[in-house]
């Protein structure tokens, strides 16, 4: 359809005259509105994005510590502490051979920092929802990868993915990606305040309903 054939809506003369006689229209200044965030910024809210290929475990753990426990640790802090072990210092290629850090590495780190890290096996999706936020291993594009499971709504789950940001996937897709080990089944890793320390009643990483739409 040619542009000339598209009808236009015009002000009736009396309305136009009224607008001209009543003076300038009150406008709203840009500062009256909150800053507009890009989709990339929204997607990366409350997620630590990994800076190195094999640091997904460090980044996912940092997400839990920073946004769930309010610990201002950085991915670099965590990765440096994880790799500063005698076995890795003797054989720097070991991290690459193992395709990253293990859950045992993560547990040693958080326990040494005063938290209580617990690895859990034979988990179900219901277990994840009760324990969320919880760090879990998935397989994506042929690689093992750590993410933080934040919650579920209907047929979709919300993940804090250090390689991407917040993302959702269907329950069916998620259950295929969540690694099922031969003897211990589906596993996860939770970080809690150590016994005797106050535990936060809030859950800052709990998913908001709109996130399941935004990151769909």
Protein backbone atom coordinates (compact mmCIF):
# COMPACT_ATOMS: atom_id res chain seq x y z
CA UNK A 1 0.00 0.00 0.00
CA UNK A 2 1.40 3.42 -0.96
CA UNK A 3 1.91 5.92 1.81
CA UNK A 4 -0.40 8.39 0.07
CA UNK A 5 -3.31 5.98 0.49
CA UNK A 6 -2.95 5.76 4.29
CA UNK A 7 -5.54 8.05 5.89
CA UNK A 8 -4.27 10.60 8.39
CA UNK A 9 -6.07 11.89 11.45
CA UNK A 10 -6.28 15.70 11.57
CA UNK A 11 -7.34 18.02 14.38
CA UNK A 12 -10.70 19.71 13.76
CA UNK A 13 -10.13 23.46 13.30
CA UNK A 14 -11.81 24.37 16.59
CA UNK A 15 -9.52 22.05 18.60
CA UNK A 16 -6.43 23.39 16.86
CA UNK A 17 -7.53 26.98 17.56
CA UNK A 18 -8.12 26.15 21.22
CA UNK A 19 -4.65 24.68 21.54
CA UNK A 20 -3.07 27.74 19.99
CA UNK A 21 -4.98 30.17 22.22
CA UNK A 22 -4.44 28.38 25.50
CA UNK A 23 -0.68 28.69 25.33
CA UNK A 24 2.06 26.07 25.49
CA UNK A 25 1.21 22.51 26.46
CA UNK A 26 2.71 21.42 29.76
CA UNK A 27 5.48 18.94 29.04
CA UNK A 28 7.09 16.36 31.27
CA UNK A 29 10.84 16.61 31.62
CA UNK A 30 13.05 13.59 31.11
CA UNK A 31 14.23 13.77 34.72
CA UNK A 32 10.65 13.04 35.86
CA UNK A 33 11.03 9.50 34.54
CA UNK A 34 13.29 6.80 35.99
CA UNK A 35 16.33 5.89 33.88
CA UNK A 36 15.49 3.53 31.05
CA UNK A 37 17.40 0.24 31.20
CA UNK A 38 18.34 -1.77 28.17
CA UNK A 39 17.24 -5.38 27.88
CA UNK A 40 20.88 -6.40 28.39
CA UNK A 41 21.04 -4.47 31.68
CA UNK A 42 17.76 -6.00 32.85
CA UNK A 43 18.90 -9.47 31.87
CA UNK A 44 22.08 -9.07 33.91
CA UNK A 45 20.45 -7.75 37.07
CA UNK A 46 21.48 -9.78 40.13
CA UNK A 47 23.71 -12.05 38.05
CA UNK A 48 27.52 -12.09 38.04
CA UNK A 49 28.64 -12.62 34.45
CA UNK A 50 31.70 -14.84 34.09
CA UNK A 51 34.80 -13.22 32.62
CA UNK A 52 36.68 -16.43 31.82
CA UNK A 53 35.71 -19.59 29.96
CA UNK A 54 36.06 -21.92 32.94
CA UNK A 55 34.90 -19.62 35.73
CA UNK A 56 31.17 -20.36 35.64
CA UNK A 57 31.39 -22.04 39.05
CA UNK A 58 33.12 -19.02 40.56
CA UNK A 59 30.65 -16.61 38.95
CA UNK A 60 27.58 -18.63 39.97
CA UNK A 61 28.87 -18.86 43.54
CA UNK A 62 29.56 -15.12 43.54
CA UNK A 63 25.96 -14.53 42.44
CA UNK A 64 24.74 -16.43 45.52
CA UNK A 65 27.11 -14.67 47.90
CA UNK A 66 26.54 -11.14 46.56
CA UNK A 67 22.82 -11.13 45.95
CA UNK A 68 21.52 -13.70 48.42
CA UNK A 69 23.86 -13.05 51.34
CA UNK A 70 24.96 -9.45 50.68
CA UNK A 71 28.64 -10.40 50.60
CA UNK A 72 30.51 -7.91 48.35
CA UNK A 73 32.88 -10.54 46.96
CA UNK A 74 33.88 -10.50 43.29
CA UNK A 75 34.25 -13.28 40.76
CA UNK A 76 37.99 -12.61 40.69
CA UNK A 77 38.20 -12.98 44.48
CA UNK A 78 36.43 -16.33 44.35
CA UNK A 79 38.33 -17.66 41.33
CA UNK A 80 41.69 -16.63 42.82
CA UNK A 81 40.91 -18.39 46.09
CA UNK A 82 39.66 -21.50 44.31
CA UNK A 83 42.74 -21.84 42.13
CA UNK A 84 45.13 -21.04 44.98
CA UNK A 85 45.24 -24.66 46.09
CA UNK A 86 48.29 -26.88 46.02
CA UNK A 87 46.79 -29.33 43.51
CA UNK A 88 46.08 -26.52 41.04
CA UNK A 89 49.35 -24.73 41.71
CA UNK A 90 51.24 -27.96 40.97
CA UNK A 91 49.21 -28.59 37.83
CA UNK A 92 47.64 -25.38 36.44
CA UNK A 93 46.07 -27.38 33.58
CA UNK A 94 43.95 -29.36 36.04
CA UNK A 95 41.16 -26.78 35.98
CA UNK A 96 40.97 -27.07 32.21
CA UNK A 97 41.10 -30.87 32.34
CA UNK A 98 38.20 -30.87 34.80
CA UNK A 99 36.38 -28.22 32.75
CA UNK A 100 36.27 -25.84 35.71
CA UNK A 101 35.97 -26.10 39.46
CA UNK A 102 34.16 -28.84 41.36
CA UNK A 103 31.39 -28.58 43.94
CA UNK A 104 33.96 -29.66 46.52
CA UNK A 105 36.10 -26.66 45.57
CA UNK A 106 33.10 -24.38 46.06
CA UNK A 107 32.28 -25.96 49.43
CA UNK A 108 35.82 -25.48 50.70
CA UNK A 109 35.67 -21.83 49.74
CA UNK A 110 32.34 -20.96 51.38
CA UNK A 111 33.10 -22.99 54.51
CA UNK A 112 36.37 -21.12 54.85
CA UNK A 113 34.47 -17.86 54.52
CA UNK A 114 32.15 -18.69 57.40
CA UNK A 115 29.17 -20.09 55.51
CA UNK A 116 27.79 -23.58 55.44
CA UNK A 117 27.98 -25.13 51.98
CA UNK A 118 26.03 -28.32 51.41
CA UNK A 119 26.01 -30.58 48.37
CA UNK A 120 22.75 -32.45 47.85
CA UNK A 121 21.98 -35.48 45.68
CA UNK A 122 18.92 -37.32 44.36
CA UNK A 123 17.11 -33.99 43.99
CA UNK A 124 13.79 -33.41 42.27
CA UNK A 125 12.38 -30.25 40.75
CA UNK A 126 10.23 -29.82 43.85
CA UNK A 127 13.40 -29.97 45.96
CA UNK A 128 14.92 -27.17 43.89
CA UNK A 129 11.88 -24.97 44.40
CA UNK A 130 12.02 -25.53 48.16
CA UNK A 131 15.76 -24.89 48.32
CA UNK A 132 16.05 -22.03 45.81
CA UNK A 133 18.26 -20.22 45.17
CA UNK A 134 20.50 -23.21 44.61
CA UNK A 135 23.57 -23.75 42.43
CA UNK A 136 23.24 -26.65 39.99
CA UNK A 137 25.23 -28.20 37.11
CA UNK A 138 23.65 -28.37 33.68
CA UNK A 139 24.94 -29.44 30.31
CA UNK A 140 24.63 -26.95 27.49
CA UNK A 141 26.10 -27.20 24.00
CA UNK A 142 28.08 -30.25 25.08
CA UNK A 143 29.73 -28.56 28.08
CA UNK A 144 29.12 -28.85 31.81
CA UNK A 145 28.07 -25.50 33.23
CA UNK A 146 27.05 -24.08 36.62
CA UNK A 147 23.95 -21.90 36.99
CA UNK A 148 21.78 -20.70 39.87
CA UNK A 149 18.23 -22.04 39.90
CA UNK A 150 16.00 -19.18 41.07
CA UNK A 151 12.52 -20.63 40.79
CA UNK A 152 9.67 -21.94 38.67
CA UNK A 153 6.39 -20.57 37.39
CA UNK A 154 4.02 -22.85 35.53
CA UNK A 155 6.01 -24.63 32.82
CA UNK A 156 9.12 -22.44 32.96
CA UNK A 157 12.11 -22.19 35.29
CA UNK A 158 14.25 -19.10 35.87
CA UNK A 159 18.03 -19.43 35.95
CA UNK A 160 20.79 -16.96 36.77
CA UNK A 161 23.25 -18.04 34.10
CA UNK A 162 26.78 -16.58 34.42
CA UNK A 163 27.32 -17.00 30.67
CA UNK A 164 24.12 -15.20 29.65
CA UNK A 165 22.29 -13.52 32.51
CA UNK A 166 18.77 -14.28 33.67
CA UNK A 167 17.08 -16.75 31.37
CA UNK A 168 14.10 -19.06 31.36
CA UNK A 169 13.55 -22.45 29.80
CA UNK A 170 10.74 -24.95 29.76
CA UNK A 171 10.64 -27.56 32.49
CA UNK A 172 11.13 -30.28 29.87
CA UNK A 173 14.22 -28.59 28.45
CA UNK A 174 15.57 -27.91 31.92
CA UNK A 175 15.19 -31.51 33.09
CA UNK A 176 17.11 -32.65 30.02
CA UNK A 177 19.89 -30.12 30.71
CA UNK A 178 20.18 -30.72 34.47
CA UNK A 179 22.95 -33.30 34.77
CA UNK A 180 21.80 -36.68 36.09
CA UNK A 181 24.82 -38.50 37.53
CA UNK A 182 24.78 -42.34 37.53
CA UNK A 183 24.98 -42.88 41.30
CA UNK A 184 23.86 -39.62 42.90
CA UNK A 185 21.27 -38.42 40.41
CA UNK A 186 20.51 -34.72 40.10
CA UNK A 187 22.65 -32.63 42.43
CA UNK A 188 22.67 -29.10 43.79
CA UNK A 189 24.67 -26.90 46.15
CA UNK A 190 23.22 -24.53 48.73
CA UNK A 191 24.99 -21.83 50.72
CA UNK A 192 23.58 -20.97 54.12
CA UNK A 193 24.69 -18.89 57.07
CA UNK A 194 26.79 -20.90 59.51
CA UNK A 195 25.08 -22.24 62.64
CA UNK A 196 24.76 -19.52 65.25
CA UNK A 197 24.71 -16.73 62.66
CA UNK A 198 21.48 -14.88 61.85
CA UNK A 199 19.77 -16.06 58.68
CA UNK A 200 18.05 -13.61 56.39
CA UNK A 201 14.29 -14.00 56.22
CA UNK A 202 14.21 -12.42 52.77
CA UNK A 203 15.10 -14.08 49.51
CA UNK A 204 16.60 -11.40 47.24
CA UNK A 205 17.06 -13.87 44.37
CA UNK A 206 13.43 -15.02 44.46
CA UNK A 207 11.99 -14.57 40.95
CA UNK A 208 9.57 -11.77 40.15
CA UNK A 209 6.56 -12.71 38.00
CA UNK A 210 7.54 -10.31 35.21
CA UNK A 211 10.93 -11.99 34.83
CA UNK A 212 9.28 -15.09 33.39
CA UNK A 213 7.86 -12.86 30.64
CA UNK A 214 10.88 -10.62 30.06
CA UNK A 215 13.33 -13.50 29.77
CA UNK A 216 11.01 -15.88 27.93
